[in-house]
Amino acid sequence: MLVKAIGFRLNLAAVPCIPAAALTMSTTLHVIDAFTREPFAGNPAAVCVLPGPADEGWMRRVARELNLAETAFLHPIAEGFSLRWLTPTVEVDLCGHATLAAAFTLWQTRRLPRNAEAVFQTRSGRLSCRREGDWIAMDFPAQPPKAVKPPAGLAKALGAAPVWTGFNGTDYFVEVTGEKILRGLAPDFGLLARLRARGVVVTCAGGGEGVDFQSRFFAPAVGVNEDPATGSSHCALGPFWGARLGKAALTGYQASERGGLIRVEVRGDRVVLRGQAVRVSRVTLFH
């Protein structure tokens, strides 16, 4: 899903109701691969830093045009930056990889000093990021799942039988018996999209030296069949596996085709997510 469109043209002149104060003659977006230190791995997000609020319809069109899992739109406010996340089809309440990408962009473009904390006001409240060497630490709310009866059609949609099912108000969480089953999943996305949830997180213990658990994340209901590396799901996976394994600090690997490594530290009702990022391209929108 990585956009290779450096210098492509999007005819914003045909898009109505874009406030002149929100945009200049051209708008540059940065495409960041998050939860990886290598280009073309992890989860790509586009980051659009604006001088002020933009028209919601314009933001939705841009997110749909770029067709990445999330596009982050931010602008400065008194309390830091306002931050919103849009998939190609909907706006979401919480997104880890696009938050990491937004903070990385602010530091890389020198909108913030490299030693300054990045503070975001979002639908999920105040989120903050800070640099720790080559890593970025993000302070997020913990969202642990509670055990529930599997919804009708879940096992059929996944093609695997859950050994445990939970829900945290946003996503379903399914534990499977091992790595072979997790990596071999080929879900029916049409059936998954019918579930009343943002997505389904499938997870298992282990995954090699230094990895405590693995996961995959499927969210066809919001336009993302499989997300490569998902920060928000680790707000639940961290507390879940932390309780299972008796550990406060864990490392998760998201076993998508691109892969992603996410460190999680559970701190009561908060979690600290740590990841790396790399900028791979810039996209200029002309209008």
C-alpha atoms as a PDB file:
ATOM      1  CA  MET A   1       0.000   0.000   0.000  1.00  0.00           C
ATOM      2  CA  LEU A   2       3.022   2.287  -0.023  1.00  0.00           C
ATOM      3  CA  VAL A   3       2.353   5.306  -2.207  1.00  0.00           C
ATOM      4  CA  LYS A   4       5.110   5.922  -4.787  1.00  0.00           C
ATOM      5  CA  ALA A   5       3.548   9.163  -5.881  1.00  0.00           C
ATOM      6  CA  ILE A   6       6.203  11.771  -5.186  1.00  0.00           C
ATOM      7  CA  GLY A   7       5.100  14.758  -7.199  1.00  0.00           C
ATOM      8  CA  PHE A   8       1.748  13.341  -8.309  1.00  0.00           C
ATOM      9  CA  ARG A   9      -1.095  15.811  -8.854  1.00  0.00           C
ATOM     10  CA  LEU A  10      -4.327  15.877  -6.933  1.00  0.00           C
ATOM     11  CA  ASN A  11      -6.735  18.460  -8.333  1.00  0.00           C
ATOM     12  CA  LEU A  12      -7.775  20.194  -5.150  1.00  0.00           C
ATOM     13  CA  ALA A  13      -9.256  23.033  -7.188  1.00  0.00           C
ATOM     14  CA  ALA A  14     -12.196  20.725  -7.812  1.00  0.00           C
ATOM     15  CA  VAL A  15     -12.698  20.065  -4.093  1.00  0.00           C
ATOM     16  CA  PRO A  16     -15.062  22.585  -2.484  1.00  0.00           C
ATOM     17  CA  CYS A  17     -14.928  24.162   0.948  1.00  0.00           C
ATOM     18  CA  ILE A  18     -11.211  24.020   1.712  1.00  0.00           C
ATOM     19  CA  PRO A  19     -10.496  26.976   3.994  1.00  0.00           C
ATOM     20  CA  ALA A  20      -7.800  29.171   2.480  1.00  0.00           C
ATOM     21  CA  ALA A  21      -6.226  29.656   5.909  1.00  0.00           C
ATOM     22  CA  ALA A  22      -5.702  25.909   6.293  1.00  0.00           C
ATOM     23  CA  LEU A  23      -3.605  25.381   3.169  1.00  0.00           C
ATOM     24  CA  THR A  24      -0.840  27.023   1.192  1.00  0.00           C
ATOM     25  CA  MET A  25      -0.308  26.756  -2.585  1.00  0.00           C
ATOM     26  CA  SER A  26       0.993  23.246  -2.079  1.00  0.00           C
ATOM     27  CA  THR A  27       0.830  20.847   0.841  1.00  0.00           C
ATOM     28  CA  THR A  28       3.576  18.350   1.614  1.00  0.00           C
ATOM     29  CA  LEU A  29       2.884  15.054   3.331  1.00  0.00           C
ATOM     30  CA  HIS A  30       5.587  12.784   4.707  1.00  0.00           C
ATOM     31  CA  VAL A  31       5.262   9.017   4.337  1.00  0.00           C
ATOM     32  CA  ILE A  32       6.766   7.288   7.367  1.00  0.00           C
ATOM     33  CA  ASP A  33       7.282   3.570   7.950  1.00  0.00           C
ATOM     34  CA  ALA A  34       6.521   3.036  11.642  1.00  0.00           C
ATOM     35  CA  PHE A  35       7.516   0.248  14.039  1.00  0.00           C
ATOM     36  CA  THR A  36      10.548  -0.598  11.951  1.00  0.00           C
ATOM     37  CA  ARG A  37      14.081   0.670  11.417  1.00  0.00           C
ATOM     38  CA  GLU A  38      14.146  -0.488   7.780  1.00  0.00           C
ATOM     39  CA  PRO A  39      12.379   1.170   4.815  1.00  0.00           C
ATOM     40  CA  PHE A  40       9.476  -0.718   3.243  1.00  0.00           C
ATOM     41  CA  ALA A  41       8.660  -2.622   6.428  1.00  0.00           C
ATOM     42  CA  GLY A  42       6.484  -1.841   9.432  1.00  0.00           C
ATOM     43  CA  ASN A  43       3.354   0.225   8.844  1.00  0.00           C
ATOM     44  CA  PRO A  44       3.324   3.217   6.470  1.00  0.00           C
ATOM     45  CA  ALA A  45       1.458   6.363   7.485  1.00  0.00           C
ATOM     46  CA  ALA A  46       1.167   9.732   5.776  1.00  0.00           C
ATOM     47  CA  VAL A  47       1.614  12.798   7.968  1.00  0.00           C
ATOM     48  CA  CYS A  48       0.120  16.153   7.009  1.00  0.00           C
ATOM     49  CA  VAL A  49       1.194  19.098   9.174  1.00  0.00           C
ATOM     50  CA  LEU A  50      -1.064  22.112   8.593  1.00  0.00           C
ATOM     51  CA  PRO A  51      -1.055  25.657   9.966  1.00  0.00           C
ATOM     52  CA  GLY A  52      -4.630  25.266  11.191  1.00  0.00           C
ATOM     53  CA  PRO A  53      -7.773  23.133  10.926  1.00  0.00           C
ATOM     54  CA  ALA A  54      -8.666  21.809   7.470  1.00  0.00           C
ATOM     55  CA  ASP A  55     -12.045  20.990   5.987  1.00  0.00           C
ATOM     56  CA  GLU A  56     -13.105  17.485   7.009  1.00  0.00           C
ATOM     57  CA  GLY A  57     -14.250  16.565   3.514  1.00  0.00           C
ATOM     58  CA  TRP A  58     -10.842  17.526   2.125  1.00  0.00           C
ATOM     59  CA  MET A  59      -9.068  15.398   4.724  1.00  0.00           C
ATOM     60  CA  ARG A  60     -11.244  12.406   3.874  1.00  0.00           C
ATOM     61  CA  ARG A  61     -10.506  12.822   0.177  1.00  0.00           C
ATOM     62  CA  VAL A  62      -6.772  13.043   0.809  1.00  0.00           C
ATOM     63  CA  ALA A  63      -6.820   9.914   3.003  1.00  0.00           C
ATOM     64  CA  ARG A  64      -8.783   8.047   0.361  1.00  0.00           C
ATOM     65  CA  GLU A  65      -6.427   9.218  -2.394  1.00  0.00           C
ATOM     66  CA  LEU A  66      -3.293   8.135  -0.525  1.00  0.00           C
ATOM     67  CA  ASN A  67      -4.925   4.807   0.411  1.00  0.00           C
ATOM     68  CA  LEU A  68      -2.666   4.075   3.377  1.00  0.00           C
ATOM     69  CA  ALA A  69      -3.947   2.465   6.559  1.00  0.00           C
ATOM     70  CA  GLU A  70      -3.941   5.917   8.199  1.00  0.00           C
ATOM     71  CA  THR A  71      -3.202   9.491   7.293  1.00  0.00           C
ATOM     72  CA  ALA A  72      -2.440  11.775  10.246  1.00  0.00           C
ATOM     73  CA  PHE A  73      -3.568  15.421  10.120  1.00  0.00           C
ATOM     74  CA  LEU A  74      -2.182  17.765  12.740  1.00  0.00           C
ATOM     75  CA  HIS A  75      -1.887  21.461  13.456  1.00  0.00           C
ATOM     76  CA  PRO A  76      -0.502  23.485  16.358  1.00  0.00           C
ATOM     77  CA  ILE A  77      -2.736  24.505  19.267  1.00  0.00           C
ATOM     78  CA  ALA A  78      -2.005  25.975  22.674  1.00  0.00           C
ATOM     79  CA  GLU A  79      -1.663  22.531  24.279  1.00  0.00           C
ATOM     80  CA  GLY A  80       0.677  21.093  21.617  1.00  0.00           C
ATOM     81  CA  PHE A  81      -0.873  19.738  18.422  1.00  0.00           C
ATOM     82  CA  SER A  82      -4.361  18.665  17.440  1.00  0.00           C
ATOM     83  CA  LEU A  83      -4.113  15.201  15.848  1.00  0.00           C
ATOM     84  CA  ARG A  84      -6.676  13.239  13.831  1.00  0.00           C
ATOM     85  CA  TRP A  85      -6.323   9.889  12.081  1.00  0.00           C
ATOM     86  CA  LEU A  86      -8.225   8.892   8.957  1.00  0.00           C
ATOM     87  CA  THR A  87      -8.270   5.577   7.112  1.00  0.00           C
ATOM     88  CA  PRO A  88      -9.360   5.543   3.454  1.00  0.00           C
ATOM     89  CA  THR A  89     -12.962   5.165   4.677  1.00  0.00           C
ATOM     90  CA  VAL A  90     -13.386   6.396   8.281  1.00  0.00           C
ATOM     91  CA  GLU A  91     -11.889   8.462  11.097  1.00  0.00           C
ATOM     92  CA  VAL A  92     -10.579   6.366  14.013  1.00  0.00           C
ATOM     93  CA  ASP A  93     -10.351   7.116  17.739  1.00  0.00           C
ATOM     94  CA  LEU A  94      -6.812   5.859  18.319  1.00  0.00           C
ATOM     95  CA  CYS A  95      -3.873   5.002  16.074  1.00  0.00           C
ATOM     96  CA  GLY A  96      -0.417   4.142  17.346  1.00  0.00           C
ATOM     97  CA  HIS A  97       1.673   3.928  14.199  1.00  0.00           C
ATOM     98  CA  ALA A  98       0.390   7.231  12.784  1.00  0.00           C
ATOM     99  CA  THR A  99       1.033   8.938  16.140  1.00  0.00           C
ATOM    100  CA  LEU A 100       4.587   7.646  16.114  1.00  0.00           C
ATOM    101  CA  ALA A 101       4.902   8.855  12.507  1.00  0.00           C
ATOM    102  CA  ALA A 102       3.512  12.294  13.434  1.00  0.00           C
ATOM    103  CA  ALA A 103       6.006  12.774  16.286  1.00  0.00           C
ATOM    104  CA  PHE A 104       8.872  11.526  14.110  1.00  0.00           C
ATOM    105  CA  THR A 105       7.900  14.037  11.402  1.00  0.00           C
ATOM    106  CA  LEU A 106       7.779  16.961  13.840  1.00  0.00           C
ATOM    107  CA  TRP A 107      11.331  16.201  14.964  1.00  0.00           C
ATOM    108  CA  GLN A 108      12.673  15.415  11.493  1.00  0.00           C
ATOM    109  CA  THR A 109      11.287  18.654  10.019  1.00  0.00           C
ATOM    110  CA  ARG A 110      12.462  20.655  13.067  1.00  0.00           C
ATOM    111  CA  ARG A 111       9.009  21.855  13.956  1.00  0.00           C
ATOM    112  CA  LEU A 112       9.972  20.568  17.395  1.00  0.00           C
ATOM    113  CA  PRO A 113      13.457  20.393  18.928  1.00  0.00           C
ATOM    114  CA  ARG A 114      14.713  16.803  18.975  1.00  0.00           C
ATOM    115  CA  ASN A 115      14.732  16.765  22.797  1.00  0.00           C
ATOM    116  CA  ALA A 116      11.212  18.245  23.127  1.00  0.00           C
ATOM    117  CA  GLU A 117       8.183  16.175  24.022  1.00  0.00           C
ATOM    118  CA  ALA A 118       5.518  15.907  21.311  1.00  0.00           C
ATOM    119  CA  VAL A 119       2.069  16.424  22.852  1.00  0.00           C
ATOM    120  CA  PHE A 120      -1.119  15.623  20.943  1.00  0.00           C
ATOM    121  CA  GLN A 121      -4.760  16.316  21.759  1.00  0.00           C
ATOM    122  CA  THR A 122      -6.910  13.580  20.221  1.00  0.00           C
ATOM    123  CA  ARG A 123     -10.235  11.758  20.402  1.00  0.00           C
ATOM    124  CA  SER A 124      -8.543   9.496  22.963  1.00  0.00           C
ATOM    125  CA  GLY A 125      -7.346  12.377  25.100  1.00  0.00           C
ATOM    126  CA  ARG A 126      -3.817  13.628  25.616  1.00  0.00           C
ATOM    127  CA  LEU A 127      -1.060  11.523  24.063  1.00  0.00           C
ATOM    128  CA  SER A 128       2.637  12.269  24.342  1.00  0.00           C
ATOM    129  CA  CYS A 129       5.808  11.041  22.657  1.00  0.00           C
ATOM    130  CA  ARG A 130       9.463  11.432  23.535  1.00  0.00           C
ATOM    131  CA  ARG A 131      12.725  10.320  21.986  1.00  0.00           C
ATOM    132  CA  GLU A 132      14.816   7.594  23.633  1.00  0.00           C
ATOM    133  CA  GLY A 133      17.853   7.300  21.388  1.00  0.00           C
ATOM    134  CA  ASP A 134      16.704   5.596  18.188  1.00  0.00           C
ATOM    135  CA  TRP A 135      13.365   4.692  19.750  1.00  0.00           C
ATOM    136  CA  ILE A 136      10.216   6.731  20.307  1.00  0.00           C
ATOM    137  CA  ALA A 137       8.204   6.179  23.504  1.00  0.00           C
ATOM    138  CA  MET A 138       4.464   6.898  23.388  1.00  0.00           C
ATOM    139  CA  ASP A 139       2.238   7.276  26.460  1.00  0.00           C
ATOM    140  CA  PHE A 140      -1.146   5.703  25.612  1.00  0.00           C
ATOM    141  CA  PRO A 141      -4.222   4.539  27.528  1.00  0.00           C
ATOM    142  CA  ALA A 142      -4.351   0.846  28.434  1.00  0.00           C
ATOM    143  CA  GLN A 143      -7.352  -0.886  26.829  1.00  0.00           C
ATOM    144  CA  PRO A 144      -7.326  -4.482  28.122  1.00  0.00           C
ATOM    145  CA  PRO A 145      -9.881  -6.903  26.686  1.00  0.00           C
ATOM    146  CA  LYS A 146     -12.419  -8.753  28.805  1.00  0.00           C
ATOM    147  CA  ALA A 147     -13.404 -12.343  28.093  1.00  0.00           C
ATOM    148  CA  VAL A 148     -16.573 -12.686  26.013  1.00  0.00           C
ATOM    149  CA  LYS A 149     -18.413 -15.399  24.147  1.00  0.00           C
ATOM    150  CA  PRO A 150     -17.155 -15.509  20.543  1.00  0.00           C
ATOM    151  CA  PRO A 151     -19.628 -13.742  18.255  1.00  0.00           C
ATOM    152  CA  ALA A 152     -21.443 -15.854  15.694  1.00  0.00           C
ATOM    153  CA  GLY A 153     -19.366 -16.383  12.584  1.00  0.00           C
ATOM    154  CA  LEU A 154     -16.007 -15.390  14.089  1.00  0.00           C
ATOM    155  CA  ALA A 155     -14.329 -18.796  13.836  1.00  0.00           C
ATOM    156  CA  LYS A 156     -15.649 -19.310  10.322  1.00  0.00           C
ATOM    157  CA  ALA A 157     -14.431 -15.869   9.236  1.00  0.00           C
ATOM    158  CA  LEU A 158     -10.951 -16.521  10.633  1.00  0.00           C
ATOM    159  CA  GLY A 159     -10.733 -20.148   9.550  1.00  0.00           C
ATOM    160  CA  ALA A 160      -9.452 -21.086  13.023  1.00  0.00           C
ATOM    161  CA  ALA A 161     -10.971 -21.973  16.372  1.00  0.00           C
ATOM    162  CA  PRO A 162     -10.298 -19.493  19.215  1.00  0.00           C
ATOM    163  CA  VAL A 163      -8.985 -20.826  22.528  1.00  0.00           C
ATOM    164  CA  TRP A 164      -9.913 -17.484  24.156  1.00  0.00           C
ATOM    165  CA  THR A 165     -11.951 -14.519  22.962  1.00  0.00           C
ATOM    166  CA  GLY A 166     -12.116 -11.027  24.409  1.00  0.00           C
ATOM    167  CA  PHE A 167     -13.441  -7.566  23.575  1.00  0.00           C
ATOM    168  CA  ASN A 168     -12.224  -4.146  24.722  1.00  0.00           C
ATOM    169  CA  GLY A 169     -15.012  -1.994  23.327  1.00  0.00           C
ATOM    170  CA  THR A 170     -13.165  -1.470  20.047  1.00  0.00           C
ATOM    171  CA  ASP A 171     -11.757  -4.784  18.802  1.00  0.00           C
ATOM    172  CA  TYR A 172     -12.227  -8.504  19.306  1.00  0.00           C
ATOM    173  CA  PHE A 173      -9.168 -10.392  20.560  1.00  0.00           C
ATOM    174  CA  VAL A 174      -8.660 -14.030  19.696  1.00  0.00           C
ATOM    175  CA  GLU A 175      -5.967 -16.269  21.146  1.00  0.00           C
ATOM    176  CA  VAL A 176      -4.897 -19.236  19.012  1.00  0.00           C
ATOM    177  CA  THR A 177      -2.729 -22.178  19.986  1.00  0.00           C
ATOM    178  CA  GLY A 178       0.478 -21.248  18.217  1.00  0.00           C
ATOM    179  CA  GLU A 179       2.565 -19.498  15.597  1.00  0.00           C
ATOM    180  CA  LYS A 180       1.753 -21.936  12.781  1.00  0.00           C
ATOM    181  CA  ILE A 181      -1.962 -21.227  13.042  1.00  0.00           C
ATOM    182  CA  LEU A 182      -1.438 -17.476  13.452  1.00  0.00           C
ATOM    183  CA  ARG A 183       0.788 -17.120  10.408  1.00  0.00           C
ATOM    184  CA  GLY A 184      -1.336 -19.443   8.287  1.00  0.00           C
ATOM    185  CA  LEU A 185      -4.579 -17.477   8.728  1.00  0.00           C
ATOM    186  CA  ALA A 186      -6.364 -16.506   5.498  1.00  0.00           C
ATOM    187  CA  PRO A 187      -9.545 -14.797   6.766  1.00  0.00           C
ATOM    188  CA  ASP A 188     -12.769 -14.233   4.912  1.00  0.00           C
ATOM    189  CA  PHE A 189     -12.705 -10.417   5.018  1.00  0.00           C
ATOM    190  CA  GLY A 190     -16.312 -10.118   3.909  1.00  0.00           C
ATOM    191  CA  LEU A 191     -17.454 -12.092   6.941  1.00  0.00           C
ATOM    192  CA  LEU A 192     -15.093 -10.254   9.289  1.00  0.00           C
ATOM    193  CA  ALA A 193     -16.449  -6.903   8.121  1.00  0.00           C
ATOM    194  CA  ARG A 194     -19.907  -7.893   9.393  1.00  0.00           C
ATOM    195  CA  LEU A 195     -18.760  -8.078  13.015  1.00  0.00           C
ATOM    196  CA  ARG A 196     -19.687  -5.110  15.187  1.00  0.00           C
ATOM    197  CA  ALA A 197     -16.135  -4.036  15.903  1.00  0.00           C
ATOM    198  CA  ARG A 198     -13.346  -2.003  14.387  1.00  0.00           C
ATOM    199  CA  GLY A 199     -11.283  -5.143  13.872  1.00  0.00           C
ATOM    200  CA  VAL A 200     -10.106  -8.535  15.071  1.00  0.00           C
ATOM    201  CA  VAL A 201      -6.712  -9.086  16.717  1.00  0.00           C
ATOM    202  CA  VAL A 202      -5.395 -12.654  16.637  1.00  0.00           C
ATOM    203  CA  THR A 203      -2.521 -13.469  18.969  1.00  0.00           C
ATOM    204  CA  CYS A 204      -0.365 -16.248  20.378  1.00  0.00           C
ATOM    205  CA  ALA A 205       2.518 -16.527  22.831  1.00  0.00           C
ATOM    206  CA  GLY A 206       6.182 -16.638  21.812  1.00  0.00           C
ATOM    207  CA  GLY A 207       7.773 -15.937  18.476  1.00  0.00           C
ATOM    208  CA  GLY A 208      11.511 -16.327  18.823  1.00  0.00           C
ATOM    209  CA  GLU A 209      14.281 -14.925  20.974  1.00  0.00           C
ATOM    210  CA  GLY A 210      13.311 -11.726  22.731  1.00  0.00           C
ATOM    211  CA  VAL A 211       9.674 -11.814  21.554  1.00  0.00           C
ATOM    212  CA  ASP A 212       6.954 -12.476  24.141  1.00  0.00           C
ATOM    213  CA  PHE A 213       3.927 -12.625  21.861  1.00  0.00           C
ATOM    214  CA  GLN A 214       2.853 -12.293  18.245  1.00  0.00           C
ATOM    215  CA  SER A 215      -0.279 -10.906  16.646  1.00  0.00           C
ATOM    216  CA  ARG A 216      -2.076 -10.052  13.427  1.00  0.00           C
ATOM    217  CA  PHE A 217      -4.764  -7.403  12.998  1.00  0.00           C
ATOM    218  CA  PHE A 218      -7.641  -7.521  10.534  1.00  0.00           C
ATOM    219  CA  ALA A 219      -9.952  -4.500  10.104  1.00  0.00           C
ATOM    220  CA  PRO A 220     -11.929  -4.735   6.842  1.00  0.00           C
ATOM    221  CA  ALA A 221     -14.830  -2.849   8.466  1.00  0.00           C
ATOM    222  CA  VAL A 222     -12.719   0.341   8.390  1.00  0.00           C
ATOM    223  CA  GLY A 223     -11.109  -0.267   5.009  1.00  0.00           C
ATOM    224  CA  VAL A 224      -7.943  -2.092   6.136  1.00  0.00           C
ATOM    225  CA  ASN A 225      -8.004  -5.843   5.482  1.00  0.00           C
ATOM    226  CA  GLU A 226      -4.763  -6.449   7.370  1.00  0.00           C
ATOM    227  CA  ASP A 227      -2.837  -3.733   9.181  1.00  0.00           C
ATOM    228  CA  PRO A 228       0.927  -4.338   9.078  1.00  0.00           C
ATOM    229  CA  ALA A 229       1.879  -3.020  12.558  1.00  0.00           C
ATOM    230  CA  THR A 230      -0.741  -1.689  14.960  1.00  0.00           C
ATOM    231  CA  GLY A 231       0.054   0.406  18.017  1.00  0.00           C
ATOM    232  CA  SER A 232      -3.493   0.651  19.359  1.00  0.00           C
ATOM    233  CA  SER A 233      -3.942  -3.143  19.499  1.00  0.00           C
ATOM    234  CA  HIS A 234      -0.866  -3.327  21.752  1.00  0.00           C
ATOM    235  CA  CYS A 235      -2.662  -1.101  24.264  1.00  0.00           C
ATOM    236  CA  ALA A 236      -4.697  -4.260  24.882  1.00  0.00           C
ATOM    237  CA  LEU A 237      -2.137  -6.955  24.044  1.00  0.00           C
ATOM    238  CA  GLY A 238       0.358  -5.519  26.551  1.00  0.00           C
ATOM    239  CA  PRO A 239      -1.952  -5.818  29.586  1.00  0.00           C
ATOM    240  CA  PHE A 240      -3.320  -9.160  28.330  1.00  0.00           C
ATOM    241  CA  TRP A 241       0.063 -10.869  27.909  1.00  0.00           C
ATOM    242  CA  GLY A 242       1.554  -8.996  30.855  1.00  0.00           C
ATOM    243  CA  ALA A 243      -1.018 -10.643  33.138  1.00  0.00           C
ATOM    244  CA  ARG A 244      -0.501 -14.033  31.484  1.00  0.00           C
ATOM    245  CA  LEU A 245       3.291 -13.941  31.642  1.00  0.00           C
ATOM    246  CA  GLY A 246       3.712 -11.950  34.856  1.00  0.00           C
ATOM    247  CA  LYS A 247       5.734  -9.230  33.125  1.00  0.00           C
ATOM    248  CA  ALA A 248       5.344  -5.449  32.925  1.00  0.00           C
ATOM    249  CA  ALA A 249       7.737  -4.996  29.998  1.00  0.00           C
ATOM    250  CA  LEU A 250       7.151  -7.088  26.883  1.00  0.00           C
ATOM    251  CA  THR A 251       8.057  -7.204  23.218  1.00  0.00           C
ATOM    252  CA  GLY A 252       5.451  -7.973  20.579  1.00  0.00           C
ATOM    253  CA  TYR A 253       5.954  -8.878  16.946  1.00  0.00           C
ATOM    254  CA  GLN A 254       3.164  -8.264  14.438  1.00  0.00           C
ATOM    255  CA  ALA A 255       3.460 -11.131  11.983  1.00  0.00           C
ATOM    256  CA  SER A 256       2.122  -9.398   8.872  1.00  0.00           C
ATOM    257  CA  GLU A 257       3.844  -9.556   5.497  1.00  0.00           C
ATOM    258  CA  ARG A 258       5.737  -6.325   6.329  1.00  0.00           C
ATOM    259  CA  GLY A 259       6.199  -7.126  10.017  1.00  0.00           C
ATOM    260  CA  GLY A 260       6.549  -4.777  12.956  1.00  0.00           C
ATOM    261  CA  LEU A 261       8.275  -4.764  16.351  1.00  0.00           C
ATOM    262  CA  ILE A 262       6.592  -3.019  19.286  1.00  0.00           C
ATOM    263  CA  ARG A 263       7.840  -2.838  22.856  1.00  0.00           C
ATOM    264  CA  VAL A 264       5.161  -2.460  25.527  1.00  0.00           C
ATOM    265  CA  GLU A 265       5.489  -1.371  29.144  1.00  0.00           C
ATOM    266  CA  VAL A 266       2.352  -1.683  31.275  1.00  0.00           C
ATOM    267  CA  ARG A 267       1.886   1.093  33.859  1.00  0.00           C
ATOM    268  CA  GLY A 268      -1.511   0.572  35.444  1.00  0.00           C
ATOM    269  CA  ASP A 269      -4.134   2.288  33.310  1.00  0.00           C
ATOM    270  CA  ARG A 270      -1.467   3.485  30.847  1.00  0.00           C
ATOM    271  CA  VAL A 271       0.939   1.736  28.525  1.00  0.00           C
ATOM    272  CA  VAL A 272       4.174   2.974  27.021  1.00  0.00           C
ATOM    273  CA  LEU A 273       4.612   1.815  23.427  1.00  0.00           C
ATOM    274  CA  ARG A 274       8.097   2.003  21.966  1.00  0.00           C
ATOM    275  CA  GLY A 275       8.912   1.814  18.288  1.00  0.00           C
ATOM    276  CA  GLN A 276      11.233   3.066  15.586  1.00  0.00           C
ATOM    277  CA  ALA A 277      10.482   4.862  12.334  1.00  0.00           C
ATOM    278  CA  VAL A 278      12.018   5.871   9.017  1.00  0.00           C
ATOM    279  CA  ARG A 279      10.901   8.418   6.403  1.00  0.00           C
ATOM    280  CA  VAL A 280      10.577   6.891   2.930  1.00  0.00           C
ATOM    281  CA  SER A 281       9.021   9.599   0.759  1.00  0.00           C
ATOM    282  CA  ARG A 282       7.327  12.984   0.492  1.00  0.00           C
ATOM    283  CA  VAL A 283       4.080  13.590  -1.353  1.00  0.00           C
ATOM    284  CA  THR A 284       3.256  17.077  -2.624  1.00  0.00           C
ATOM    285  CA  LEU A 285      -0.383  17.980  -3.216  1.00  0.00           C
ATOM    286  CA  PHE A 286      -0.840  20.834  -5.712  1.00  0.00           C
ATOM    287  CA  HIS A 287      -3.967  22.970  -5.745  1.00  0.00           C
END
